[in-house]
PDB file of all heavy atoms in Angstrom:
ATOM      1  N   GLY A   1       0.777  -1.235   0.000  1.00  0.00           N
ATOM      2  CA  GLY A   1       0.000   0.000   0.000  1.00  0.00           C
ATOM      3  C   GLY A   1       0.804   1.278   0.000  1.00  0.00           C
ATOM      4  O   GLY A   1       0.320   2.308   0.479  1.00  0.00           O
ATOM      5  N   LYS A   2       2.015   1.255  -0.584  1.00  0.00           N
ATOM      6  CA  LYS A   2       2.848   2.471  -0.595  1.00  0.00           C
ATOM      7  C   LYS A   2       2.182   3.609  -1.357  1.00  0.00           C
ATOM      8  O   LYS A   2       2.155   4.749  -0.890  1.00  0.00           O
ATOM      9  CB  LYS A   2       4.219   2.170  -1.212  1.00  0.00           C
ATOM     10  CG  LYS A   2       5.132   1.326  -0.362  1.00  0.00           C
ATOM     11  CD  LYS A   2       6.503   1.176  -1.001  1.00  0.00           C
ATOM     12  CE  LYS A   2       6.438   0.505  -2.363  1.00  0.00           C
ATOM     13  NZ  LYS A   2       5.866  -0.852  -2.324  1.00  0.00           N
ATOM     14  N   SER A   3       1.667   3.315  -2.551  1.00  0.00           N
ATOM     15  CA  SER A   3       1.064   4.380  -3.358  1.00  0.00           C
ATOM     16  C   SER A   3      -0.197   4.912  -2.704  1.00  0.00           C
ATOM     17  O   SER A   3      -0.439   6.127  -2.686  1.00  0.00           O
ATOM     18  CB  SER A   3       0.758   3.859  -4.774  1.00  0.00           C
ATOM     19  OG  SER A   3       1.943   3.514  -5.453  1.00  0.00           O
ATOM     20  N   THR A   4      -1.015   4.030  -2.162  1.00  0.00           N
ATOM     21  CA  THR A   4      -2.223   4.464  -1.458  1.00  0.00           C
ATOM     22  C   THR A   4      -1.858   5.335  -0.266  1.00  0.00           C
ATOM     23  O   THR A   4      -2.442   6.409  -0.058  1.00  0.00           O
ATOM     24  CB  THR A   4      -3.021   3.237  -0.983  1.00  0.00           C
ATOM     25  OG1 THR A   4      -3.444   2.486  -2.118  1.00  0.00           O
ATOM     26  CG2 THR A   4      -4.233   3.659  -0.168  1.00  0.00           C
ATOM     27  N   PHE A   5      -0.869   4.891   0.508  1.00  0.00           N
ATOM     28  CA  PHE A   5      -0.459   5.667   1.678  1.00  0.00           C
ATOM     29  C   PHE A   5       0.129   7.008   1.258  1.00  0.00           C
ATOM     30  O   PHE A   5      -0.173   8.045   1.869  1.00  0.00           O
ATOM     31  CB  PHE A   5       0.558   4.879   2.498  1.00  0.00           C
ATOM     32  CG  PHE A   5       1.091   5.634   3.685  1.00  0.00           C
ATOM     33  CD1 PHE A   5       0.346   5.746   4.846  1.00  0.00           C
ATOM     34  CD2 PHE A   5       2.330   6.258   3.631  1.00  0.00           C
ATOM     35  CE1 PHE A   5       0.826   6.459   5.940  1.00  0.00           C
ATOM     36  CE2 PHE A   5       2.824   6.961   4.711  1.00  0.00           C
ATOM     37  CZ  PHE A   5       2.073   7.070   5.875  1.00  0.00           C
ATOM     38  N   THR A   6       0.975   7.015   0.218  1.00  0.00           N
ATOM     39  CA  THR A   6       1.577   8.261  -0.245  1.00  0.00           C
ATOM     40  C   THR A   6       0.502   9.262  -0.636  1.00  0.00           C
ATOM     41  O   THR A   6       0.555  10.442  -0.260  1.00  0.00           O
ATOM     42  CB  THR A   6       2.503   8.003  -1.448  1.00  0.00           C
ATOM     43  OG1 THR A   6       3.529   7.082  -1.077  1.00  0.00           O
ATOM     44  CG2 THR A   6       3.151   9.295  -1.926  1.00  0.00           C
ATOM     45  N   ALA A   7      -0.485   8.800  -1.410  1.00  0.00           N
ATOM     46  CA  ALA A   7      -1.546   9.696  -1.859  1.00  0.00           C
ATOM     47  C   ALA A   7      -2.363  10.232  -0.690  1.00  0.00           C
ATOM     48  O   ALA A   7      -2.638  11.443  -0.605  1.00  0.00           O
ATOM     49  CB  ALA A   7      -2.452   8.967  -2.849  1.00  0.00           C
ATOM     50  N   GLN A   8      -2.745   9.352   0.229  1.00  0.00           N
ATOM     51  CA  GLN A   8      -3.579   9.798   1.345  1.00  0.00           C
ATOM     52  C   GLN A   8      -2.798  10.678   2.323  1.00  0.00           C
ATOM     53  O   GLN A   8      -3.349  11.617   2.907  1.00  0.00           O
ATOM     54  CB  GLN A   8      -4.188   8.588   2.058  1.00  0.00           C
ATOM     55  CG  GLN A   8      -5.103   7.746   1.178  1.00  0.00           C
ATOM     56  CD  GLN A   8      -6.208   8.551   0.501  1.00  0.00           C
ATOM     57  OE1 GLN A   8      -6.796   9.460   1.106  1.00  0.00           O
ATOM     58  NE2 GLN A   8      -6.497   8.235  -0.753  1.00  0.00           N
ATOM     59  N   LEU A   9      -1.508  10.398   2.481  1.00  0.00           N
ATOM     60  CA  LEU A   9      -0.659  11.269   3.290  1.00  0.00           C
ATOM     61  C   LEU A   9      -0.553  12.647   2.644  1.00  0.00           C
ATOM     62  O   LEU A   9      -0.630  13.681   3.326  1.00  0.00           O
ATOM     63  CB  LEU A   9       0.731  10.650   3.447  1.00  0.00           C
ATOM     64  CG  LEU A   9       1.781  11.478   4.190  1.00  0.00           C
ATOM     65  CD1 LEU A   9       1.359  11.743   5.633  1.00  0.00           C
ATOM     66  CD2 LEU A   9       3.141  10.771   4.156  1.00  0.00           C
ATOM     67  N   ALA A  10      -0.403  12.667   1.310  1.00  0.00           N
ATOM     68  CA  ALA A  10      -0.307  13.939   0.596  1.00  0.00           C
ATOM     69  C   ALA A  10      -1.598  14.738   0.715  1.00  0.00           C
ATOM     70  O   ALA A  10      -1.583  15.956   0.961  1.00  0.00           O
ATOM     71  CB  ALA A  10       0.026  13.680  -0.873  1.00  0.00           C
ATOM     72  N   PHE A  11      -2.741  14.061   0.537  1.00  0.00           N
ATOM     73  CA  PHE A  11      -4.028  14.748   0.699  1.00  0.00           C
ATOM     74  C   PHE A  11      -4.135  15.365   2.103  1.00  0.00           C
ATOM     75  O   PHE A  11      -4.562  16.519   2.262  1.00  0.00           O
ATOM     76  CB  PHE A  11      -5.184  13.763   0.503  1.00  0.00           C
ATOM     77  CG  PHE A  11      -5.538  13.485  -0.933  1.00  0.00           C
ATOM     78  CD1 PHE A  11      -5.666  12.176  -1.390  1.00  0.00           C
ATOM     79  CD2 PHE A  11      -5.771  14.517  -1.825  1.00  0.00           C
ATOM     80  CE1 PHE A  11      -6.007  11.908  -2.709  1.00  0.00           C
ATOM     81  CE2 PHE A  11      -6.115  14.260  -3.152  1.00  0.00           C
ATOM     82  CZ  PHE A  11      -6.233  12.951  -3.593  1.00  0.00           C
ATOM     83  N   ALA A  12      -3.757  14.588   3.115  1.00  0.00           N
ATOM     84  CA  ALA A  12      -3.888  15.064   4.496  1.00  0.00           C
ATOM     85  C   ALA A  12      -2.951  16.233   4.779  1.00  0.00           C
ATOM     86  O   ALA A  12      -3.361  17.247   5.368  1.00  0.00           O
ATOM     87  CB  ALA A  12      -3.617  13.909   5.464  1.00  0.00           C
ATOM     88  N   LEU A  13      -1.687  16.102   4.376  1.00  0.00           N
ATOM     89  CA  LEU A  13      -0.729  17.171   4.628  1.00  0.00           C
ATOM     90  C   LEU A  13      -1.090  18.461   3.884  1.00  0.00           C
ATOM     91  O   LEU A  13      -0.833  19.565   4.373  1.00  0.00           O
ATOM     92  CB  LEU A  13       0.678  16.722   4.216  1.00  0.00           C
ATOM     93  CG  LEU A  13       1.382  15.711   5.121  1.00  0.00           C
ATOM     94  CD1 LEU A  13       2.655  15.209   4.452  1.00  0.00           C
ATOM     95  CD2 LEU A  13       1.713  16.327   6.481  1.00  0.00           C
ATOM     96  N   SER A  14      -1.693  18.312   2.704  1.00  0.00           N
ATOM     97  CA  SER A  14      -1.987  19.490   1.880  1.00  0.00           C
ATOM     98  C   SER A  14      -3.119  20.343   2.453  1.00  0.00           C
ATOM     99  O   SER A  14      -3.377  21.441   1.954  1.00  0.00           O
ATOM    100  CB  SER A  14      -2.335  19.068   0.446  1.00  0.00           C
ATOM    101  OG  SER A  14      -3.568  18.373   0.386  1.00  0.00           O
ATOM    102  N   GLN A  15      -3.778  19.843   3.510  1.00  0.00           N
ATOM    103  CA  GLN A  15      -4.798  20.667   4.160  1.00  0.00           C
ATOM    104  C   GLN A  15      -4.178  21.874   4.846  1.00  0.00           C
ATOM    105  O   GLN A  15      -4.824  22.926   4.959  1.00  0.00           O
ATOM    106  CB  GLN A  15      -5.573  19.823   5.185  1.00  0.00           C
ATOM    107  CG  GLN A  15      -6.337  18.653   4.597  1.00  0.00           C
ATOM    108  CD  GLN A  15      -7.392  19.081   3.606  1.00  0.00           C
ATOM    109  OE1 GLN A  15      -8.201  19.971   3.883  1.00  0.00           O
ATOM    110  NE2 GLN A  15      -7.379  18.469   2.435  1.00  0.00           N
ATOM    111  N   THR A  16      -2.925  21.722   5.278  1.00  0.00           N
ATOM    112  CA  THR A  16      -2.269  22.816   6.004  1.00  0.00           C
ATOM    113  C   THR A  16      -0.868  23.136   5.474  1.00  0.00           C
ATOM    114  O   THR A  16      -0.201  24.020   6.013  1.00  0.00           O
ATOM    115  CB  THR A  16      -2.160  22.475   7.504  1.00  0.00           C
ATOM    116  OG1 THR A  16      -1.534  21.196   7.654  1.00  0.00           O
ATOM    117  CG2 THR A  16      -3.542  22.434   8.151  1.00  0.00           C
ATOM    118  N   HIS A  17      -0.419  22.407   4.456  1.00  0.00           N
ATOM    119  CA  HIS A  17       0.924  22.599   3.932  1.00  0.00           C
ATOM    120  C   HIS A  17       0.909  22.586   2.401  1.00  0.00           C
ATOM    121  O   HIS A  17      -0.028  22.074   1.782  1.00  0.00           O
ATOM    122  CB  HIS A  17       1.875  21.480   4.410  1.00  0.00           C
ATOM    123  CG  HIS A  17       1.973  21.332   5.887  1.00  0.00           C
ATOM    124  ND1 HIS A  17       2.734  22.168   6.672  1.00  0.00           N
ATOM    125  CD2 HIS A  17       1.407  20.431   6.737  1.00  0.00           C
ATOM    126  CE1 HIS A  17       2.639  21.792   7.935  1.00  0.00           C
ATOM    127  NE2 HIS A  17       1.842  20.743   8.008  1.00  0.00           N
ATOM    128  N   GLU A  18       1.981  23.106   1.810  1.00  0.00           N
ATOM    129  CA  GLU A  18       2.192  22.973   0.368  1.00  0.00           C
ATOM    130  C   GLU A  18       2.926  21.659   0.131  1.00  0.00           C
ATOM    131  O   GLU A  18       3.998  21.429   0.709  1.00  0.00           O
ATOM    132  CB  GLU A  18       3.021  24.139  -0.164  1.00  0.00           C
ATOM    133  CG  GLU A  18       2.371  25.508   0.012  1.00  0.00           C
ATOM    134  CD  GLU A  18       1.107  25.668  -0.819  1.00  0.00           C
ATOM    135  OE1 GLU A  18       1.067  25.111  -1.947  1.00  0.00           O
ATOM    136  OE2 GLU A  18       0.171  26.342  -0.353  1.00  0.00           O
ATOM    137  N   VAL A  19       2.371  20.805  -0.705  1.00  0.00           N
ATOM    138  CA  VAL A  19       2.885  19.444  -0.868  1.00  0.00           C
ATOM    139  C   VAL A  19       3.093  19.126  -2.345  1.00  0.00           C
ATOM    140  O   VAL A  19       2.241  19.429  -3.189  1.00  0.00           O
ATOM    141  CB  VAL A  19       1.915  18.409  -0.251  1.00  0.00           C
ATOM    142  CG1 VAL A  19       2.468  16.991  -0.403  1.00  0.00           C
ATOM    143  CG2 VAL A  19       1.653  18.725   1.219  1.00  0.00           C
ATOM    144  N   GLY A  20       4.227  18.496  -2.655  1.00  0.00           N
ATOM    145  CA  GLY A  20       4.489  17.964  -3.985  1.00  0.00           C
ATOM    146  C   GLY A  20       4.758  16.474  -3.874  1.00  0.00           C
ATOM    147  O   GLY A  20       5.334  16.012  -2.888  1.00  0.00           O
ATOM    148  N   VAL A  21       4.334  15.711  -4.866  1.00  0.00           N
ATOM    149  CA  VAL A  21       4.533  14.269  -4.878  1.00  0.00           C
ATOM    150  C   VAL A  21       5.273  13.883  -6.147  1.00  0.00           C
ATOM    151  O   VAL A  21       4.895  14.298  -7.247  1.00  0.00           O
ATOM    152  CB  VAL A  21       3.192  13.505  -4.803  1.00  0.00           C
ATOM    153  CG1 VAL A  21       3.435  11.998  -4.763  1.00  0.00           C
ATOM    154  CG2 VAL A  21       2.381  13.948  -3.592  1.00  0.00           C
ATOM    155  N   VAL A  22       6.340  13.089  -5.984  1.00  0.00           N
ATOM    156  CA  VAL A  22       7.115  12.587  -7.118  1.00  0.00           C
ATOM    157  C   VAL A  22       6.895  11.078  -7.202  1.00  0.00           C
ATOM    158  O   VAL A  22       7.251  10.345  -6.271  1.00  0.00           O
ATOM    159  CB  VAL A  22       8.620  12.898  -6.960  1.00  0.00           C
ATOM    160  CG1 VAL A  22       9.369  12.551  -8.248  1.00  0.00           C
ATOM    161  CG2 VAL A  22       8.837  14.358  -6.603  1.00  0.00           C
ATOM    162  N   ASP A  23       6.311  10.635  -8.293  1.00  0.00           N
ATOM    163  CA  ASP A  23       6.030   9.221  -8.498  1.00  0.00           C
ATOM    164  C   ASP A  23       7.224   8.591  -9.207  1.00  0.00           C
ATOM    165  O   ASP A  23       7.379   8.727 -10.414  1.00  0.00           O
ATOM    166  CB  ASP A  23       4.764   9.082  -9.349  1.00  0.00           C
ATOM    167  CG  ASP A  23       4.296   7.647  -9.502  1.00  0.00           C
ATOM    168  OD1 ASP A  23       4.979   6.741  -8.981  1.00  0.00           O
ATOM    169  OD2 ASP A  23       3.253   7.428 -10.148  1.00  0.00           O
ATOM    170  N   ILE A  24       8.100   7.918  -8.435  1.00  0.00           N
ATOM    171  CA  ILE A  24       9.259   7.284  -9.065  1.00  0.00           C
ATOM    172  C   ILE A  24       9.065   5.777  -9.215  1.00  0.00           C
ATOM    173  O   ILE A  24      10.023   5.052  -9.483  1.00  0.00           O
ATOM    174  CB  ILE A  24      10.576   7.600  -8.312  1.00  0.00           C
ATOM    175  CG1 ILE A  24      10.578   7.009  -6.910  1.00  0.00           C
ATOM    176  CG2 ILE A  24      10.820   9.101  -8.271  1.00  0.00           C
ATOM    177  CD1 ILE A  24      11.957   7.086  -6.242  1.00  0.00           C
ATOM    178  N   ASP A  25       7.818   5.330  -9.084  1.00  0.00           N
ATOM    179  CA  ASP A  25       7.490   3.947  -9.441  1.00  0.00           C
ATOM    180  C   ASP A  25       7.282   3.935 -10.951  1.00  0.00           C
ATOM    181  O   ASP A  25       6.148   3.949 -11.443  1.00  0.00           O
ATOM    182  CB  ASP A  25       6.234   3.493  -8.690  1.00  0.00           C
ATOM    183  CG  ASP A  25       5.995   1.997  -8.816  1.00  0.00           C
ATOM    184  OD1 ASP A  25       6.662   1.366  -9.659  1.00  0.00           O
ATOM    185  OD2 ASP A  25       5.134   1.464  -8.093  1.00  0.00           O
ATOM    186  N   VAL A  26       8.386   3.923 -11.679  1.00  0.00           N
ATOM    187  CA  VAL A  26       8.368   4.178 -13.118  1.00  0.00           C
ATOM    188  C   VAL A  26       7.543   3.140 -13.872  1.00  0.00           C
ATOM    189  O   VAL A  26       6.816   3.478 -14.814  1.00  0.00           O
ATOM    190  CB  VAL A  26       9.813   4.241 -13.662  1.00  0.00           C
ATOM    191  CG1 VAL A  26       9.815   4.427 -15.179  1.00  0.00           C
ATOM    192  CG2 VAL A  26      10.586   5.371 -12.986  1.00  0.00           C
ATOM    193  N   CYS A  27       7.632   1.882 -13.479  1.00  0.00           N
ATOM    194  CA  CYS A  27       6.916   0.827 -14.211  1.00  0.00           C
ATOM    195  C   CYS A  27       5.490   0.616 -13.719  1.00  0.00           C
ATOM    196  O   CYS A  27       4.709  -0.078 -14.376  1.00  0.00           O
ATOM    197  CB  CYS A  27       7.697  -0.490 -14.124  1.00  0.00           C
ATOM    198  SG  CYS A  27       9.287  -0.437 -14.973  1.00  0.00           S
ATOM    199  N   GLY A  28       5.128   1.217 -12.596  1.00  0.00           N
ATOM    200  CA  GLY A  28       3.768   1.079 -12.069  1.00  0.00           C
ATOM    201  C   GLY A  28       3.237   2.394 -11.561  1.00  0.00           C
ATOM    202  O   GLY A  28       2.931   2.536 -10.378  1.00  0.00           O
ATOM    203  N   PRO A  29       3.104   3.398 -12.436  1.00  0.00           N
ATOM    204  CA  PRO A  29       2.706   4.744 -11.982  1.00  0.00           C
ATOM    205  C   PRO A  29       1.199   4.844 -11.729  1.00  0.00           C
ATOM    206  O   PRO A  29       0.424   5.235 -12.601  1.00  0.00           O
ATOM    207  CB  PRO A  29       3.128   5.631 -13.164  1.00  0.00           C
ATOM    208  CG  PRO A  29       2.999   4.739 -14.369  1.00  0.00           C
ATOM    209  CD  PRO A  29       3.348   3.347 -13.897  1.00  0.00           C
ATOM    210  N   SER A  30       0.781   4.546 -10.516  1.00  0.00           N
ATOM    211  CA  SER A  30      -0.648   4.535 -10.192  1.00  0.00           C
ATOM    212  C   SER A  30      -1.142   5.820  -9.543  1.00  0.00           C
ATOM    213  O   SER A  30      -2.352   5.996  -9.373  1.00  0.00           O
ATOM    214  CB  SER A  30      -0.963   3.347  -9.276  1.00  0.00           C
ATOM    215  OG  SER A  30      -0.148   3.364  -8.119  1.00  0.00           O
ATOM    216  N   LEU A  31      -0.245   6.718  -9.168  1.00  0.00           N
ATOM    217  CA  LEU A  31      -0.680   7.917  -8.443  1.00  0.00           C
ATOM    218  C   LEU A  31      -1.607   8.828  -9.239  1.00  0.00           C
ATOM    219  O   LEU A  31      -2.522   9.422  -8.653  1.00  0.00           O
ATOM    220  CB  LEU A  31       0.529   8.701  -7.939  1.00  0.00           C
ATOM    221  CG  LEU A  31       1.203   8.136  -6.690  1.00  0.00           C
ATOM    222  CD1 LEU A  31       2.358   9.016  -6.257  1.00  0.00           C
ATOM    223  CD2 LEU A  31       0.223   7.974  -5.537  1.00  0.00           C
TER     224      LEU A  31
END
C-alpha cells in the first residue's frame, strides 16, 4: 500500500501545507 499511503498522506498534509509528490514507481505509476 505504498502508493495508497503516499496519496492519502499527501491529501492530508496538503490541508495545512504545500505538498508535492514525485512518483518514481516508473513501471507502475498509479498515483
